[in-house]
């Protein structure tokens, strides 16, 4: 009977390990994602015609 319990717990061991790793790194990944989203939404009004030219035309 103890062998049955050990077999079933061994089946779930990799999933438990992955869940623990996810709980450890998920806040870090979410925080980095928020930083990227906030830094990418700057109030830059760039004219695509002016920024795509090599020399500024007068």
C-alpha atoms as a PDB file:
ATOM      1  CA  UNK A   1       0.000   0.000   0.000  1.00  0.00           C
ATOM      2  CA  UNK A   2       2.872   2.362   0.689  1.00  0.00           C
ATOM      3  CA  UNK A   3       4.222   1.499  -2.755  1.00  0.00           C
ATOM      4  CA  UNK A   4       0.996   2.723  -4.349  1.00  0.00           C
ATOM      5  CA  UNK A   5       1.212   6.051  -2.555  1.00  0.00           C
ATOM      6  CA  UNK A   6       4.846   6.466  -3.551  1.00  0.00           C
ATOM      7  CA  UNK A   7       4.096   5.744  -7.201  1.00  0.00           C
ATOM      8  CA  UNK A   8       1.306   8.312  -7.355  1.00  0.00           C
ATOM      9  CA  UNK A   9       3.355  10.942  -5.523  1.00  0.00           C
ATOM     10  CA  UNK A  10       6.281  10.305  -7.878  1.00  0.00           C
ATOM     11  CA  UNK A  11       4.005  11.025 -10.816  1.00  0.00           C
ATOM     12  CA  UNK A  12       3.179  14.484  -9.491  1.00  0.00           C
ATOM     13  CA  UNK A  13       6.711  15.412  -8.369  1.00  0.00           C
ATOM     14  CA  UNK A  14       7.772  17.082 -11.667  1.00  0.00           C
ATOM     15  CA  UNK A  15       4.562  19.121 -11.779  1.00  0.00           C
ATOM     16  CA  UNK A  16       5.028  20.228  -8.183  1.00  0.00           C
ATOM     17  CA  UNK A  17       8.582  21.290  -8.987  1.00  0.00           C
ATOM     18  CA  UNK A  18       7.431  23.291 -12.018  1.00  0.00           C
ATOM     19  CA  UNK A  19       4.686  24.919  -9.955  1.00  0.00           C
ATOM     20  CA  UNK A  20       7.223  26.009  -7.337  1.00  0.00           C
ATOM     21  CA  UNK A  21       9.525  27.454  -9.986  1.00  0.00           C
ATOM     22  CA  UNK A  22       6.570  29.271 -11.556  1.00  0.00           C
ATOM     23  CA  UNK A  23       5.579  30.757  -8.203  1.00  0.00           C
ATOM     24  CA  UNK A  24       9.136  31.937  -7.722  1.00  0.00           C
ATOM     25  CA  UNK A  25       9.679  33.589 -11.105  1.00  0.00           C
ATOM     26  CA  UNK A  26       6.155  34.716 -12.061  1.00  0.00           C
ATOM     27  CA  UNK A  27       6.267  37.974 -10.046  1.00  0.00           C
ATOM     28  CA  UNK A  28       9.628  38.835 -11.598  1.00  0.00           C
ATOM     29  CA  UNK A  29       8.356  38.205 -15.117  1.00  0.00           C
ATOM     30  CA  UNK A  30       5.154  40.159 -14.491  1.00  0.00           C
ATOM     31  CA  UNK A  31       7.139  43.073 -13.040  1.00  0.00           C
ATOM     32  CA  UNK A  32       9.459  43.169 -16.038  1.00  0.00           C
ATOM     33  CA  UNK A  33       6.482  43.048 -18.376  1.00  0.00           C
ATOM     34  CA  UNK A  34       4.892  46.001 -16.607  1.00  0.00           C
ATOM     35  CA  UNK A  35       8.146  47.973 -16.844  1.00  0.00           C
ATOM     36  CA  UNK A  36       8.406  47.279 -20.565  1.00  0.00           C
ATOM     37  CA  UNK A  37       4.790  48.276 -21.126  1.00  0.00           C
ATOM     38  CA  UNK A  38       5.194  51.506 -19.183  1.00  0.00           C
ATOM     39  CA  UNK A  39       8.471  52.471 -20.822  1.00  0.00           C
ATOM     40  CA  UNK A  40       7.094  51.858 -24.302  1.00  0.00           C
ATOM     41  CA  UNK A  41       4.114  54.173 -23.861  1.00  0.00           C
ATOM     42  CA  UNK A  42       5.977  57.480 -23.855  1.00  0.00           C
ATOM     43  CA  UNK A  43       4.289  60.617 -25.109  1.00  0.00           C
ATOM     44  CA  UNK A  44       6.392  60.921 -28.217  1.00  0.00           C
ATOM     45  CA  UNK A  45       4.732  62.554 -31.166  1.00  0.00           C
ATOM     46  CA  UNK A  46       7.129  61.738 -33.967  1.00  0.00           C
ATOM     47  CA  UNK A  47       6.423  62.593 -37.555  1.00  0.00           C
ATOM     48  CA  UNK A  48       7.279  59.488 -39.609  1.00  0.00           C
ATOM     49  CA  UNK A  49       8.213  61.585 -42.645  1.00  0.00           C
ATOM     50  CA  UNK A  50      10.745  63.711 -40.786  1.00  0.00           C
ATOM     51  CA  UNK A  51      12.266  60.853 -38.807  1.00  0.00           C
ATOM     52  CA  UNK A  52      12.676  58.661 -41.862  1.00  0.00           C
ATOM     53  CA  UNK A  53      14.718  61.195 -43.866  1.00  0.00           C
ATOM     54  CA  UNK A  54      18.479  61.326 -43.692  1.00  0.00           C
ATOM     55  CA  UNK A  55      18.789  65.104 -43.856  1.00  0.00           C
ATOM     56  CA  UNK A  56      16.308  67.588 -42.544  1.00  0.00           C
ATOM     57  CA  UNK A  57      14.711  69.419 -45.469  1.00  0.00           C
ATOM     58  CA  UNK A  58      14.018  73.121 -45.130  1.00  0.00           C
END
